[in-house]
Amino acid sequence: MHQPGGDQPVNAAPPPQAQPKKKGTDWWAEVKGLFWLLLIVLGFHSFIAKPFYIPSESMLPGLQVGDRLVVSKFAYGWSYVSPTIPNPVAIFKSLVLRRPEDSWSLQLPFIHGRLLGSLPKRGDVVIVTPPGTHNDYIKRVIGLPGDRLEVRDGVVILNGKPVRRGPLHYVDIPVDTNSPCKASDYGEDAKIRSASGQWVCHLPIVTETLPNNRRYDTVELGWSPGDNYGPITIPADHVFLMGDNRDRSADSRFSLAELGLGGAVPYENIGGRAEFVTFSLDGDTTLNPLTWWSSLRSGRAGLSLHPTTVKAGGGAAQ
């Protein structure tokens, strides 16, 4: 039966609709997405900030093994050590072949100068890559270009004037897996029980105050090979760096062959400024997530790594 004036049947079935085809995973899109994500992460690490792990006790008492920090990359501008470039060969050797690797990153050839560069301030805690290496150290800026610097009997002398030192006092650091307080490092009497019954490392401390009135604590263990150094004049665009654990730190006082920094280092080798502690682990973590929370050290998250500035009269500046 037909409608009047029309040529289509009244009960005609609608034309069949094409069924959508099932799409598989667009692997190329996934790869592109991962590439851009990796690029963003590496760009952030290279130019803004990156995490840093404390592997040694050279910056005690302020920094402990197991501390995780944030390092700002832009504080002094950018240099050839700033970019984070993954090294697939080193990563493969480390993860698959279980061979120790100094770094998982590639480094650009030395390039003189810094982009939007500036010198660190005395007392800044910085990340430094010793010349000719791929390792990152963390030390404190003590001397600046043009300074006449020497160390005599453990006392730092800048431009003919000894750095101010406070009286000897003690700090107790809780003993744990990451802070074992070895007798070979700190003596048989350093590891003691506190009034609460906890094992602590009883460390002798001297507070130093630099000429710009920034102060910080150093560990003073007595004589060590680094107690006498120089005098030297720090070259232009170089900085002299020392660890706060003065008698257990390989820094600018020691040669590269001694795993030190080989003297004052070019400011191009400064990778950034340490800002604050994000969290700290005592070394007892395992693959079991239940151990992650219990291994956190209390009281360290958010700890600023900027030294205190004191007023001329000795009080802390607000």
Protein backbone atom coordinates (compact mmCIF):
# COMPACT_ATOMS: atom_id res chain seq x y z
CA MET A 1 0.00 0.00 0.00
CA HIS A 2 1.32 3.44 -0.94
CA GLN A 3 0.59 6.82 0.55
CA PRO A 4 -1.14 9.22 -1.78
CA GLY A 5 1.36 11.39 -3.58
CA GLY A 6 4.26 9.41 -2.24
CA ASP A 7 6.37 6.59 -3.51
CA GLN A 8 7.63 5.12 -0.18
CA PRO A 9 5.86 2.21 1.51
CA VAL A 10 4.14 3.09 4.79
CA ASN A 11 5.70 0.28 6.82
CA ALA A 12 9.16 0.37 5.26
CA ALA A 13 11.91 -0.65 7.69
CA PRO A 14 14.56 2.00 8.45
CA PRO A 15 17.84 1.48 6.63
CA PRO A 16 20.33 -0.57 8.61
CA GLN A 17 22.86 1.50 10.58
CA ALA A 18 26.53 0.71 10.38
CA GLN A 19 27.87 -0.79 13.60
CA PRO A 20 30.83 1.13 15.07
CA LYS A 21 34.06 -0.76 14.79
CA LYS A 22 35.84 -1.61 18.00
CA LYS A 23 39.07 0.34 18.22
CA GLY A 24 42.22 -1.19 19.65
CA THR A 25 44.77 0.67 21.78
CA ASP A 26 46.34 3.57 19.95
CA TRP A 27 49.92 2.75 20.90
CA TRP A 28 51.36 5.68 19.03
CA ALA A 29 49.16 8.07 20.99
CA GLU A 30 50.22 6.36 24.22
CA VAL A 31 53.89 6.71 23.32
CA LYS A 32 53.43 10.39 22.45
CA GLY A 33 51.62 10.98 25.73
CA LEU A 34 54.42 9.33 27.73
CA PHE A 35 57.02 11.30 25.78
CA TRP A 36 55.40 14.64 26.60
CA LEU A 37 54.95 13.63 30.25
CA LEU A 38 58.62 12.65 30.48
CA LEU A 39 59.63 15.90 28.80
CA ILE A 40 57.60 17.93 31.29
CA VAL A 41 59.10 16.07 34.27
CA LEU A 42 62.65 16.42 32.96
CA GLY A 43 62.07 20.08 32.19
CA PHE A 44 60.83 20.68 35.74
CA HIS A 45 63.86 18.80 37.15
CA SER A 46 66.23 20.74 34.90
CA PHE A 47 64.97 24.28 35.31
CA ILE A 48 62.73 24.54 38.40
CA ALA A 49 63.49 22.05 41.18
CA LYS A 50 64.45 18.46 41.79
CA PRO A 51 64.51 16.04 44.75
CA PHE A 52 67.81 15.11 46.36
CA TYR A 53 68.74 12.28 48.71
CA ILE A 54 71.38 12.63 51.43
CA PRO A 55 73.74 9.64 51.12
CA SER A 56 76.47 10.58 53.63
CA GLU A 57 77.04 12.22 57.02
CA SER A 58 79.23 15.05 55.72
CA MET A 59 76.57 17.67 56.58
CA LEU A 60 75.77 16.59 60.14
CA PRO A 61 74.24 17.79 62.37
CA GLY A 62 71.87 19.66 60.05
CA LEU A 63 71.42 16.95 57.42
CA GLN A 64 71.17 13.23 58.10
CA VAL A 65 71.49 10.20 55.85
CA GLY A 66 67.97 9.43 54.65
CA ASP A 67 66.82 13.05 54.36
CA ARG A 68 64.98 13.93 51.14
CA LEU A 69 65.34 17.53 50.03
CA VAL A 70 64.03 19.96 47.47
CA VAL A 71 66.77 21.68 45.47
CA SER A 72 65.85 24.81 43.51
CA LYS A 73 67.51 24.88 40.09
CA PHE A 74 66.81 28.55 39.35
CA ALA A 75 68.38 30.10 42.47
CA TYR A 76 71.67 30.94 40.72
CA GLY A 77 70.58 30.65 37.10
CA TRP A 78 71.34 27.67 34.87
CA SER A 79 74.60 26.10 33.71
CA TYR A 80 75.80 23.02 31.88
CA VAL A 81 75.11 20.83 34.96
CA SER A 82 71.47 21.93 35.21
CA PRO A 83 69.74 19.72 32.59
CA THR A 84 68.57 16.29 33.69
CA ILE A 85 69.28 13.93 30.77
CA PRO A 86 68.64 10.22 31.44
CA ASN A 87 71.42 7.80 30.52
CA PRO A 88 69.72 4.56 29.35
CA VAL A 89 73.01 2.63 29.42
CA ALA A 90 73.73 3.56 33.04
CA ILE A 91 70.14 2.79 34.06
CA PHE A 92 70.32 -0.64 32.36
CA LYS A 93 73.66 -1.48 33.98
CA SER A 94 72.40 -0.44 37.40
CA LEU A 95 68.95 -2.05 37.35
CA VAL A 96 69.54 -5.12 35.17
CA LEU A 97 73.24 -5.92 35.47
CA ARG A 98 73.46 -4.72 39.09
CA ARG A 99 76.63 -2.78 38.41
CA PRO A 100 77.31 0.37 40.46
CA GLU A 101 76.94 3.56 38.44
CA ASP A 102 77.96 7.05 39.52
CA SER A 103 74.91 8.63 37.93
CA TRP A 104 71.84 7.79 35.86
CA SER A 105 72.19 11.04 33.94
CA LEU A 106 74.27 12.30 31.05
CA GLN A 107 76.13 15.57 31.40
CA LEU A 108 76.71 18.25 28.82
CA PRO A 109 80.29 19.28 28.00
CA PHE A 110 81.60 22.18 30.08
CA ILE A 111 80.10 25.49 29.01
CA HIS A 112 81.50 28.66 30.55
CA GLY A 113 79.05 30.92 32.37
CA ARG A 114 75.47 30.69 33.58
CA LEU A 115 72.18 31.79 32.05
CA LEU A 116 70.74 34.55 34.26
CA GLY A 117 73.50 33.57 36.67
CA SER A 118 74.34 34.88 40.13
CA LEU A 119 76.77 33.83 42.84
CA PRO A 120 75.60 31.97 45.94
CA LYS A 121 75.65 33.75 49.29
CA ARG A 122 77.92 32.75 52.12
CA GLY A 123 76.23 30.05 54.15
CA ASP A 124 74.02 28.69 51.36
CA VAL A 125 73.76 24.91 51.18
CA VAL A 126 74.31 23.92 47.56
CA ILE A 127 74.50 20.91 45.26
CA VAL A 128 77.81 20.73 43.41
CA THR A 129 79.23 18.45 40.72
CA PRO A 130 83.02 18.18 41.10
CA PRO A 131 84.89 19.01 37.87
CA GLY A 132 85.29 16.01 35.59
CA THR A 133 82.73 13.88 37.42
CA HIS A 134 79.01 13.10 37.29
CA ASN A 135 78.51 12.92 41.07
CA ASP A 136 76.43 15.36 43.09
CA TYR A 137 77.77 16.54 46.47
CA ILE A 138 76.04 18.74 49.00
CA LYS A 139 78.16 21.34 50.84
CA ARG A 140 78.03 24.82 52.35
CA VAL A 141 79.39 27.96 50.68
CA ILE A 142 82.17 29.43 52.85
CA GLY A 143 84.39 31.47 50.51
CA LEU A 144 83.57 33.74 47.57
CA PRO A 145 85.66 35.03 44.64
CA GLY A 146 88.58 37.17 45.78
CA ASP A 147 88.55 35.92 49.37
CA ARG A 148 91.82 35.01 51.05
CA LEU A 149 90.95 31.77 52.84
CA GLU A 150 92.81 29.41 55.11
CA VAL A 151 92.05 26.87 57.81
CA ARG A 152 94.27 26.71 60.90
CA ASP A 153 93.70 24.14 63.64
CA GLY A 154 90.14 23.72 62.41
CA VAL A 155 89.36 27.46 62.44
CA VAL A 156 88.31 29.05 59.13
CA ILE A 157 90.06 32.37 58.48
CA LEU A 158 88.52 34.68 55.88
CA ASN A 159 90.48 37.71 54.69
CA GLY A 160 92.68 37.61 57.79
CA LYS A 161 89.82 37.31 60.31
CA PRO A 162 88.83 34.04 62.02
CA VAL A 163 85.20 33.07 61.56
CA ARG A 164 83.36 33.55 64.84
CA ARG A 165 82.93 30.32 66.78
CA GLY A 166 80.62 29.73 69.72
CA PRO A 167 81.36 27.55 72.76
CA LEU A 168 81.54 23.78 72.47
CA HIS A 169 78.19 22.15 73.20
CA TYR A 170 76.48 18.86 72.34
CA VAL A 171 73.61 17.67 70.18
CA ASP A 172 71.98 14.25 70.49
CA ILE A 173 70.93 12.58 67.23
CA PRO A 174 68.77 9.44 67.53
CA VAL A 175 70.60 6.29 66.47
CA ASP A 176 68.96 4.24 63.71
CA THR A 177 69.93 2.23 60.65
CA ASN A 178 70.80 5.35 58.62
CA SER A 179 72.54 7.01 61.60
CA PRO A 180 74.44 4.18 63.32
CA CYS A 181 76.95 6.43 65.18
CA LYS A 182 79.95 4.25 64.35
CA ALA A 183 82.70 4.20 66.92
CA SER A 184 85.25 4.37 64.10
CA ASP A 185 83.83 7.78 63.12
CA TYR A 186 82.80 9.37 66.41
CA GLY A 187 84.58 7.43 69.15
CA GLU A 188 83.55 4.76 71.63
CA ASP A 189 81.84 7.24 73.95
CA ALA A 190 79.61 8.97 71.37
CA LYS A 191 76.81 6.39 71.44
CA ILE A 192 74.95 6.77 74.72
CA ARG A 193 71.47 6.28 76.17
CA SER A 194 69.40 9.40 76.69
CA ALA A 195 67.28 10.05 79.77
CA SER A 196 64.35 8.43 77.94
CA GLY A 197 66.38 5.26 77.32
CA GLN A 198 66.84 5.86 73.59
CA TRP A 199 70.22 5.35 71.96
CA VAL A 200 71.58 8.67 70.66
CA CYS A 201 74.80 9.93 69.07
CA HIS A 202 76.24 12.57 71.43
CA LEU A 203 78.04 14.92 69.04
CA PRO A 204 80.30 17.86 69.98
CA ILE A 205 79.10 21.00 68.23
CA VAL A 206 80.57 24.42 67.49
CA THR A 207 78.35 27.14 66.01
CA GLU A 208 80.02 29.26 63.30
CA THR A 209 78.92 32.75 62.26
CA LEU A 210 80.10 34.00 58.88
CA PRO A 211 80.93 37.65 58.12
CA ASN A 212 77.41 38.18 56.71
CA ASN A 213 76.00 37.11 60.12
CA ARG A 214 74.64 33.78 58.90
CA ARG A 215 75.25 30.96 61.37
CA TYR A 216 75.00 27.18 61.47
CA ASP A 217 76.28 24.25 63.55
CA THR A 218 79.39 22.21 62.76
CA VAL A 219 80.60 18.94 64.26
CA GLU A 220 83.99 19.32 65.99
CA LEU A 221 85.71 15.98 66.59
CA GLY A 222 89.26 17.19 67.17
CA TRP A 223 92.24 16.95 64.85
CA SER A 224 91.76 15.75 61.26
CA PRO A 225 93.77 16.12 58.01
CA GLY A 226 91.55 18.98 56.85
CA ASP A 227 92.21 21.14 59.92
CA ASN A 228 95.03 22.98 58.14
CA TYR A 229 94.64 24.29 54.62
CA GLY A 230 95.91 27.17 52.52
CA PRO A 231 96.07 30.08 52.50
CA ILE A 232 94.62 30.51 49.01
CA THR A 233 92.97 33.31 47.08
CA ILE A 234 89.69 32.13 45.59
CA PRO A 235 89.68 32.75 41.81
CA ALA A 236 87.04 34.78 40.02
CA ASP A 237 83.73 32.95 39.48
CA HIS A 238 84.72 30.21 41.98
CA VAL A 239 83.38 29.31 45.43
CA PHE A 240 84.96 27.41 48.32
CA LEU A 241 82.73 24.75 49.86
CA MET A 242 82.93 22.83 53.14
CA GLY A 243 80.82 20.21 54.89
CA ASP A 244 79.38 20.97 58.33
CA ASN A 245 80.76 17.66 59.66
CA ARG A 246 84.19 19.23 59.36
CA ASP A 247 86.30 16.22 60.29
CA ARG A 248 84.28 13.79 58.15
CA SER A 249 83.80 15.76 54.94
CA ALA A 250 85.61 15.52 51.60
CA ASP A 251 85.17 19.06 50.28
CA SER A 252 87.21 21.89 48.75
CA ARG A 253 90.08 21.17 51.15
CA PHE A 254 90.75 17.82 49.46
CA SER A 255 91.85 16.80 45.98
CA LEU A 256 89.68 15.02 43.43
CA ALA A 257 91.87 11.93 43.95
CA GLU A 258 90.80 12.00 47.62
CA LEU A 259 87.14 12.24 46.47
CA GLY A 260 87.07 15.90 47.42
CA LEU A 261 86.23 18.92 45.27
CA GLY A 262 89.80 19.77 44.28
CA GLY A 263 89.85 23.27 45.77
CA ALA A 264 87.50 26.12 44.96
CA VAL A 265 85.03 25.04 42.27
CA PRO A 266 83.77 27.02 39.26
CA TYR A 267 80.34 28.44 39.91
CA GLU A 268 79.18 26.69 36.72
CA ASN A 269 79.42 23.44 38.71
CA ILE A 270 76.81 24.54 41.23
CA GLY A 271 73.60 22.66 40.44
CA GLY A 272 71.21 24.46 42.76
CA ARG A 273 70.37 25.53 46.32
CA ALA A 274 68.99 23.18 48.96
CA GLU A 275 65.71 24.63 50.25
CA PHE A 276 64.02 22.31 52.77
CA VAL A 277 63.61 18.71 53.88
CA THR A 278 60.50 17.04 52.49
CA PHE A 279 60.75 13.88 54.62
CA SER A 280 63.36 11.63 56.19
CA LEU A 281 63.66 7.84 56.52
CA ASP A 282 65.52 5.88 59.20
CA GLY A 283 66.64 3.13 56.80
CA ASP A 284 64.25 0.37 57.87
CA THR A 285 61.89 0.53 54.90
CA THR A 286 61.20 -2.64 52.93
CA LEU A 287 58.94 -3.50 49.99
CA ASN A 288 56.15 -3.88 52.53
CA PRO A 289 54.16 -0.59 52.44
CA LEU A 290 53.38 -1.00 56.15
CA THR A 291 57.03 -0.14 56.92
CA TRP A 292 56.99 3.13 55.01
CA TRP A 293 55.07 5.12 57.59
CA SER A 294 56.87 3.65 60.60
CA SER A 295 60.26 4.48 59.03
CA LEU A 296 59.54 8.20 58.79
CA ARG A 297 61.60 10.29 61.18
CA SER A 298 59.45 12.72 63.14
CA GLY A 299 60.14 16.43 63.20
CA ARG A 300 62.18 16.69 59.98
CA ALA A 301 59.54 17.33 57.31
CA GLY A 302 59.55 20.99 56.29
CA LEU A 303 62.89 21.74 57.97
CA SER A 304 64.40 24.83 56.29
CA LEU A 305 67.99 24.55 55.08
CA HIS A 306 68.59 28.28 55.02
CA PRO A 307 70.99 29.34 57.80
CA THR A 308 69.80 31.64 60.57
CA THR A 309 70.82 35.28 60.20
CA VAL A 310 71.76 36.96 63.47
CA LYS A 311 71.70 40.62 64.35
CA ALA A 312 74.89 42.50 65.09
CA GLY A 313 74.18 42.06 68.80
CA GLY A 314 73.94 38.30 68.49
CA GLY A 315 70.17 37.74 68.41
CA ALA A 316 68.42 36.04 65.51
CA ALA A 317 66.99 38.40 62.92
CA GLN A 318 63.26 38.25 62.38
